[in-house]
Amino acid sequence: MLRNSLLFLVIVLVAAALGFGVVAGTAAVIAKVLFVLFLILFAASLFRGRHA
């Protein structure tokens, strides 16, 4: 999931550099959502620990 958010971050940077503001804005929102979701799942996995 972190990989996907970084991928969208790269898309944002390229789209912003080329002047596609709408595409950059949309990809930035998607990257933020994926990053927050990653942080929530990461924190949950830290609290759960290993039970395997």
C-alpha atoms as a PDB file:
ATOM      1  CA  MET A   1       0.000   0.000   0.000  1.00  0.00           C
ATOM      2  CA  LEU A   2       2.887   2.332   0.725  1.00  0.00           C
ATOM      3  CA  ARG A   3       4.231   1.461  -2.704  1.00  0.00           C
ATOM      4  CA  ASN A   4       0.933   2.538  -4.310  1.00  0.00           C
ATOM      5  CA  SER A   5       0.898   5.843  -2.473  1.00  0.00           C
ATOM      6  CA  LEU A   6       4.468   6.526  -3.598  1.00  0.00           C
ATOM      7  CA  LEU A   7       3.473   5.633  -7.162  1.00  0.00           C
ATOM      8  CA  PHE A   8       0.643   8.171  -7.048  1.00  0.00           C
ATOM      9  CA  LEU A   9       3.067  10.717  -5.602  1.00  0.00           C
ATOM     10  CA  VAL A  10       5.302  10.257  -8.650  1.00  0.00           C
ATOM     11  CA  ILE A  11       2.253  10.630 -10.912  1.00  0.00           C
ATOM     12  CA  VAL A  12       1.400  13.869  -9.088  1.00  0.00           C
ATOM     13  CA  LEU A  13       4.873  15.276  -9.603  1.00  0.00           C
ATOM     14  CA  VAL A  14       4.954  14.397 -13.296  1.00  0.00           C
ATOM     15  CA  ALA A  15       1.430  15.705 -13.926  1.00  0.00           C
ATOM     16  CA  ALA A  16       2.169  18.936 -12.061  1.00  0.00           C
ATOM     17  CA  ALA A  17       5.378  19.444 -14.016  1.00  0.00           C
ATOM     18  CA  LEU A  18       3.506  18.994 -17.290  1.00  0.00           C
ATOM     19  CA  GLY A  19       0.713  21.366 -16.267  1.00  0.00           C
ATOM     20  CA  PHE A  20      -2.124  18.900 -15.757  1.00  0.00           C
ATOM     21  CA  GLY A  21      -3.590  20.436 -12.600  1.00  0.00           C
ATOM     22  CA  VAL A  22      -6.748  18.331 -12.425  1.00  0.00           C
ATOM     23  CA  VAL A  23      -4.871  15.066 -12.850  1.00  0.00           C
ATOM     24  CA  ALA A  24      -2.291  16.142 -10.278  1.00  0.00           C
ATOM     25  CA  GLY A  25      -4.985  17.124  -7.797  1.00  0.00           C
ATOM     26  CA  THR A  26      -6.871  13.866  -8.198  1.00  0.00           C
ATOM     27  CA  ALA A  27      -3.749  11.740  -7.901  1.00  0.00           C
ATOM     28  CA  ALA A  28      -2.675  13.727  -4.823  1.00  0.00           C
ATOM     29  CA  VAL A  29      -5.971  12.962  -3.096  1.00  0.00           C
ATOM     30  CA  ILE A  30      -5.639   9.272  -3.931  1.00  0.00           C
ATOM     31  CA  ALA A  31      -2.047   9.241  -2.641  1.00  0.00           C
ATOM     32  CA  LYS A  32      -3.117  10.894   0.630  1.00  0.00           C
ATOM     33  CA  VAL A  33      -5.934   8.401   1.164  1.00  0.00           C
ATOM     34  CA  LEU A  34      -3.676   5.428   0.490  1.00  0.00           C
ATOM     35  CA  PHE A  35      -0.977   6.794   2.787  1.00  0.00           C
ATOM     36  CA  VAL A  36      -3.421   7.367   5.655  1.00  0.00           C
ATOM     37  CA  LEU A  37      -4.842   3.881   5.143  1.00  0.00           C
ATOM     38  CA  PHE A  38      -1.302   2.489   5.233  1.00  0.00           C
ATOM     39  CA  LEU A  39      -0.585   4.335   8.490  1.00  0.00           C
ATOM     40  CA  ILE A  40      -3.771   3.025  10.107  1.00  0.00           C
ATOM     41  CA  LEU A  41      -3.057  -0.562   9.089  1.00  0.00           C
ATOM     42  CA  PHE A  42       0.585  -0.244  10.158  1.00  0.00           C
ATOM     43  CA  ALA A  43      -0.409   1.069  13.591  1.00  0.00           C
ATOM     44  CA  ALA A  44      -2.968  -1.722  13.969  1.00  0.00           C
ATOM     45  CA  SER A  45      -0.356  -4.333  13.116  1.00  0.00           C
ATOM     46  CA  LEU A  46       2.019  -2.868  15.690  1.00  0.00           C
ATOM     47  CA  PHE A  47      -0.602  -3.097  18.425  1.00  0.00           C
ATOM     48  CA  ARG A  48      -1.661  -6.617  17.479  1.00  0.00           C
ATOM     49  CA  GLY A  49       1.853  -8.023  17.464  1.00  0.00           C
ATOM     50  CA  ARG A  50       2.705 -11.461  16.131  1.00  0.00           C
ATOM     51  CA  HIS A  51       0.343 -14.279  17.015  1.00  0.00           C
ATOM     52  CA  ALA A  52       1.468 -16.840  14.458  1.00  0.00           C
END
